[in-house]
Amino acid sequence: MASPAPAIYWHRALPPLDAVAVAEHTVEADSARVPGTIAHRDELWDACERALSADAASRLLQEISRLGGRYAHVLEEHIEVKHDAATEQAWLHGRYAYMLYR
């Protein structure tokens, strides 16, 4: 049995040929907050990156369902580091432009 087609297509991966473009949209996502220290910086960055990717995929799936689509093709992403000096925490914030397809 063939596995179902994915609902999210990132950058160069294209949705099926029979998909019909509906409209371009944007979603935003955040990673979990981590201590804003230099210690274990690589591990913290990797954890934030994984959490941001998971949150972005979850948000895209919610939006596909909410807007009555079948696929989302992510066209552009902008990721920036956020820092809260009061709590000494950092996190990643992403903004993803995508085309919704039916």
Protein backbone atom coordinates (compact mmCIF):
# COMPACT_ATOMS: atom_id res chain seq x y z
CA MET A 1 0.00 0.00 0.00
CA ALA A 2 1.41 3.40 -0.97
CA SER A 3 1.91 5.96 1.78
CA PRO A 4 -0.32 9.04 1.58
CA ALA A 5 1.09 12.16 -0.03
CA PRO A 6 2.49 14.70 2.42
CA ALA A 7 0.45 17.83 3.08
CA ILE A 8 3.45 20.17 3.45
CA TYR A 9 6.00 20.73 0.70
CA TRP A 10 9.12 22.69 1.63
CA HIS A 11 10.81 25.00 -0.88
CA ARG A 12 11.90 22.94 -3.92
CA ALA A 13 9.56 20.02 -3.24
CA LEU A 14 6.42 20.56 -5.28
CA PRO A 15 2.83 19.47 -4.59
CA PRO A 16 1.11 17.05 -6.99
CA LEU A 17 0.48 18.27 -10.54
CA ASP A 18 -3.29 18.15 -10.08
CA ALA A 19 -3.15 20.52 -7.08
CA VAL A 20 -4.82 23.89 -7.69
CA ALA A 21 -3.27 27.02 -6.19
CA VAL A 22 -5.74 28.96 -4.05
CA ALA A 23 -3.92 31.81 -2.28
CA GLU A 24 -0.68 32.77 -0.59
CA HIS A 25 -0.69 32.98 3.21
CA THR A 26 1.72 33.40 6.11
CA VAL A 27 2.03 31.58 9.42
CA GLU A 28 4.30 32.26 12.37
CA ALA A 29 5.74 29.80 14.85
CA ASP A 30 8.00 29.80 17.89
CA SER A 31 10.34 27.31 19.49
CA ALA A 32 10.34 26.64 23.20
CA ARG A 33 12.27 29.11 25.31
CA VAL A 34 15.71 28.05 26.51
CA PRO A 35 18.25 29.65 28.86
CA GLY A 36 20.01 32.44 26.99
CA THR A 37 23.48 31.32 28.01
CA ILE A 38 26.61 30.50 26.05
CA ALA A 39 26.92 27.11 27.76
CA HIS A 40 25.69 24.25 25.54
CA ARG A 41 24.89 26.72 22.77
CA ASP A 42 24.94 24.13 19.94
CA GLU A 43 22.64 21.72 21.78
CA LEU A 44 20.24 24.53 22.67
CA TRP A 45 20.23 25.79 19.07
CA ASP A 46 19.51 22.29 17.73
CA ALA A 47 16.68 21.82 20.25
CA CYS A 48 15.18 25.20 19.32
CA GLU A 49 15.48 24.44 15.61
CA ARG A 50 13.70 21.08 16.01
CA ALA A 51 10.97 22.64 18.16
CA LEU A 52 10.47 25.49 15.68
CA SER A 53 10.20 23.06 12.76
CA ALA A 54 7.66 20.96 14.65
CA ASP A 55 5.60 24.03 15.62
CA ALA A 56 5.72 25.38 12.06
CA ALA A 57 4.54 22.03 10.64
CA SER A 58 1.75 21.87 13.21
CA ARG A 59 0.62 25.43 12.40
CA LEU A 60 0.71 24.72 8.66
CA LEU A 61 -1.42 21.59 9.08
CA GLN A 62 -3.92 23.58 11.17
CA GLU A 63 -4.12 26.27 8.51
CA ILE A 64 -4.52 23.78 5.67
CA SER A 65 -7.48 22.27 7.51
CA ARG A 66 -8.95 25.63 8.58
CA LEU A 67 -8.78 27.06 5.05
CA GLY A 68 -10.12 23.91 3.38
CA GLY A 69 -6.93 23.09 1.48
CA ARG A 70 -5.04 19.87 0.82
CA TYR A 71 -1.44 21.04 0.58
CA ALA A 72 0.85 23.89 1.58
CA HIS A 73 3.97 24.73 -0.40
CA VAL A 74 6.36 26.76 1.75
CA LEU A 75 7.86 29.41 -0.49
CA GLU A 76 9.88 31.46 1.95
CA GLU A 77 10.91 31.39 5.58
CA HIS A 78 12.44 33.98 7.84
CA ILE A 79 13.86 32.81 11.17
CA GLU A 80 15.19 35.13 13.85
CA VAL A 81 16.51 34.75 17.37
CA LYS A 82 14.45 36.38 20.12
CA HIS A 83 15.77 37.20 23.57
CA ASP A 84 14.00 38.25 26.76
CA ALA A 85 16.54 40.09 28.94
CA ALA A 86 14.22 40.06 31.96
CA THR A 87 14.07 36.25 32.08
CA GLU A 88 17.40 35.57 30.32
CA GLN A 89 15.64 33.27 27.85
CA ALA A 90 16.04 32.93 24.12
CA TRP A 91 13.95 31.28 21.40
CA LEU A 92 13.54 31.13 17.65
CA HIS A 93 10.68 32.83 15.83
CA GLY A 94 9.81 31.85 12.27
CA ARG A 95 7.60 33.43 9.63
CA TYR A 96 6.63 31.17 6.71
CA ALA A 97 5.05 32.31 3.46
CA TYR A 98 3.22 29.47 1.71
CA MET A 99 0.85 28.80 -1.16
CA LEU A 100 -2.31 26.92 -0.22
CA TYR A 101 -3.46 24.28 -2.72
CA ARG A 102 -6.68 22.31 -3.14
